[in-house]
C-alpha atoms as a PDB file:
ATOM      1  CA  MET A   1      -3.255  -6.658   3.535  1.00  0.00           C
ATOM      2  CA  ARG A   2      -6.654  -7.382   1.977  1.00  0.00           C
ATOM      3  CA  HIS A   3      -8.075  -7.477   5.480  1.00  0.00           C
ATOM      4  CA  PHE A   4      -6.987  -3.867   5.932  1.00  0.00           C
ATOM      5  CA  CYS A   5      -8.930  -2.802   2.847  1.00  0.00           C
ATOM      6  CA  THR A   6     -12.041  -4.277   4.424  1.00  0.00           C
ATOM      7  CA  LEU A   7     -11.254  -2.643   7.764  1.00  0.00           C
ATOM      8  CA  ALA A   8     -10.603   0.735   6.119  1.00  0.00           C
ATOM      9  CA  ARG A   9     -13.985   0.618   4.373  1.00  0.00           C
ATOM     10  CA  LYS A  10     -15.623   0.135   7.767  1.00  0.00           C
ATOM     11  CA  TYR A  11     -14.329   3.636   8.596  1.00  0.00           C
ATOM     12  CA  ASN A  12     -15.361   5.106   5.216  1.00  0.00           C
ATOM     13  CA  ILE A  13     -11.802   5.038   3.856  1.00  0.00           C
ATOM     14  CA  TYR A  14     -11.709   3.869   0.260  1.00  0.00           C
ATOM     15  CA  ALA A  15      -8.937   1.311  -0.179  1.00  0.00           C
ATOM     16  CA  VAL A  16      -8.116  -1.242  -2.872  1.00  0.00           C
ATOM     17  CA  HIS A  17      -5.783  -4.198  -2.848  1.00  0.00           C
ATOM     18  CA  TRP A  18      -3.355  -4.121  -5.762  1.00  0.00           C
ATOM     19  CA  SER A  19      -4.478  -7.575  -6.935  1.00  0.00           C
ATOM     20  CA  THR A  20      -7.918  -6.119  -7.737  1.00  0.00           C
ATOM     21  CA  VAL A  21      -6.487  -3.500 -10.125  1.00  0.00           C
ATOM     22  CA  GLY A  22      -3.262  -5.045 -11.424  1.00  0.00           C
ATOM     23  CA  ASP A  23      -1.082  -8.124 -11.792  1.00  0.00           C
ATOM     24  CA  PRO A  24       0.092  -9.372  -8.366  1.00  0.00           C
ATOM     25  CA  GLY A  25       3.484 -10.205  -9.916  1.00  0.00           C
ATOM     26  CA  GLU A  26       4.012  -6.687 -11.272  1.00  0.00           C
ATOM     27  CA  LYS A  27       7.208  -4.763 -10.545  1.00  0.00           C
ATOM     28  CA  ASP A  28       7.151  -2.402  -7.586  1.00  0.00           C
ATOM     29  CA  SER A  29       7.924   0.524  -9.885  1.00  0.00           C
ATOM     30  CA  VAL A  30       4.746  -0.147 -11.881  1.00  0.00           C
ATOM     31  CA  ILE A  31       2.658  -0.259  -8.700  1.00  0.00           C
ATOM     32  CA  MET A  32       4.227   3.010  -7.544  1.00  0.00           C
ATOM     33  CA  GLU A  33       3.507   4.677 -10.896  1.00  0.00           C
ATOM     34  CA  TRP A  34      -0.108   3.489 -10.806  1.00  0.00           C
ATOM     35  CA  ALA A  35      -0.510   4.828  -7.264  1.00  0.00           C
ATOM     36  CA  ARG A  36       1.033   8.168  -8.247  1.00  0.00           C
ATOM     37  CA  SER A  37      -1.083   8.512 -11.382  1.00  0.00           C
ATOM     38  CA  ASN A  38      -4.286   7.622  -9.549  1.00  0.00           C
ATOM     39  CA  GLU A  39      -3.488   9.600  -6.380  1.00  0.00           C
ATOM     40  CA  TYR A  40      -3.350   6.590  -4.059  1.00  0.00           C
ATOM     41  CA  ILE A  41      -1.188   6.008  -0.987  1.00  0.00           C
ATOM     42  CA  VAL A  42       0.820   2.769  -0.868  1.00  0.00           C
ATOM     43  CA  PHE A  43       0.185   0.954   2.429  1.00  0.00           C
ATOM     44  CA  THR A  44       2.598  -1.963   2.672  1.00  0.00           C
ATOM     45  CA  HIS A  45       4.827  -4.133   4.815  1.00  0.00           C
ATOM     46  CA  ASP A  46       7.408  -4.358   2.001  1.00  0.00           C
ATOM     47  CA  LEU A  47      10.420  -2.106   2.655  1.00  0.00           C
ATOM     48  CA  ASP A  48      11.181  -1.929  -1.076  1.00  0.00           C
ATOM     49  CA  PHE A  49       8.471   0.670  -1.661  1.00  0.00           C
ATOM     50  CA  GLY A  50       9.969   3.195   0.738  1.00  0.00           C
ATOM     51  CA  SER A  51      13.404   2.570  -0.707  1.00  0.00           C
ATOM     52  CA  LEU A  52      12.084   3.013  -4.248  1.00  0.00           C
ATOM     53  CA  LEU A  53      10.462   6.316  -3.330  1.00  0.00           C
ATOM     54  CA  ALA A  54      13.692   7.558  -1.721  1.00  0.00           C
ATOM     55  CA  ALA A  55      15.898   6.340  -4.577  1.00  0.00           C
ATOM     56  CA  THR A  56      13.813   8.069  -7.247  1.00  0.00           C
ATOM     57  CA  GLY A  57      13.536  11.325  -5.309  1.00  0.00           C
ATOM     58  CA  ALA A  58       9.828  11.439  -6.175  1.00  0.00           C
ATOM     59  CA  ASP A  59       7.435  13.266  -3.910  1.00  0.00           C
ATOM     60  CA  SER A  60       4.564  10.863  -4.495  1.00  0.00           C
ATOM     61  CA  PRO A  61       2.932   8.526  -3.894  1.00  0.00           C
ATOM     62  CA  SER A  62       3.094   8.558  -0.114  1.00  0.00           C
ATOM     63  CA  VAL A  63       4.221   5.237   1.335  1.00  0.00           C
ATOM     64  CA  ILE A  64       3.080   3.973   4.714  1.00  0.00           C
ATOM     65  CA  LEU A  65       5.154   1.064   5.998  1.00  0.00           C
ATOM     66  CA  PHE A  66       3.287  -1.240   8.335  1.00  0.00           C
ATOM     67  CA  ARG A  67       5.750  -3.264  10.402  1.00  0.00           C
ATOM     68  CA  THR A  68       4.397  -5.962  12.709  1.00  0.00           C
ATOM     69  CA  GLN A  69       4.575  -9.699  13.151  1.00  0.00           C
ATOM     70  CA  ASP A  70       0.820 -10.216  12.902  1.00  0.00           C
ATOM     71  CA  PHE A  71      -1.120  -8.548  10.070  1.00  0.00           C
ATOM     72  CA  CYS A  72      -4.537  -9.567  11.363  1.00  0.00           C
ATOM     73  CA  PRO A  73      -6.601  -6.387  11.903  1.00  0.00           C
ATOM     74  CA  THR A  74      -8.454  -7.992  14.804  1.00  0.00           C
ATOM     75  CA  VAL A  75      -5.267  -7.864  16.882  1.00  0.00           C
ATOM     76  CA  SER A  76      -3.578  -4.828  15.345  1.00  0.00           C
ATOM     77  CA  LYS A  77      -4.882  -1.538  16.679  1.00  0.00           C
ATOM     78  CA  ILE A  78      -5.468   1.277  14.224  1.00  0.00           C
END
């Protein structure tokens, strides 16, 4: 997903990879709380984030699930 942060910046979309702001081994709930508190959208291929949002009944942060076999932005069209 780091490649998507770089690609997003090309289109003037500010994006950060979680590993640049927090512990990569952190619980999903902590990542979701950070995103909510800092008004970020979670862009992920991990289904747990959508499930966590639904289970808590929270209205933020937004979660975008990216489902594909190849995560390389040079072959994935945005």
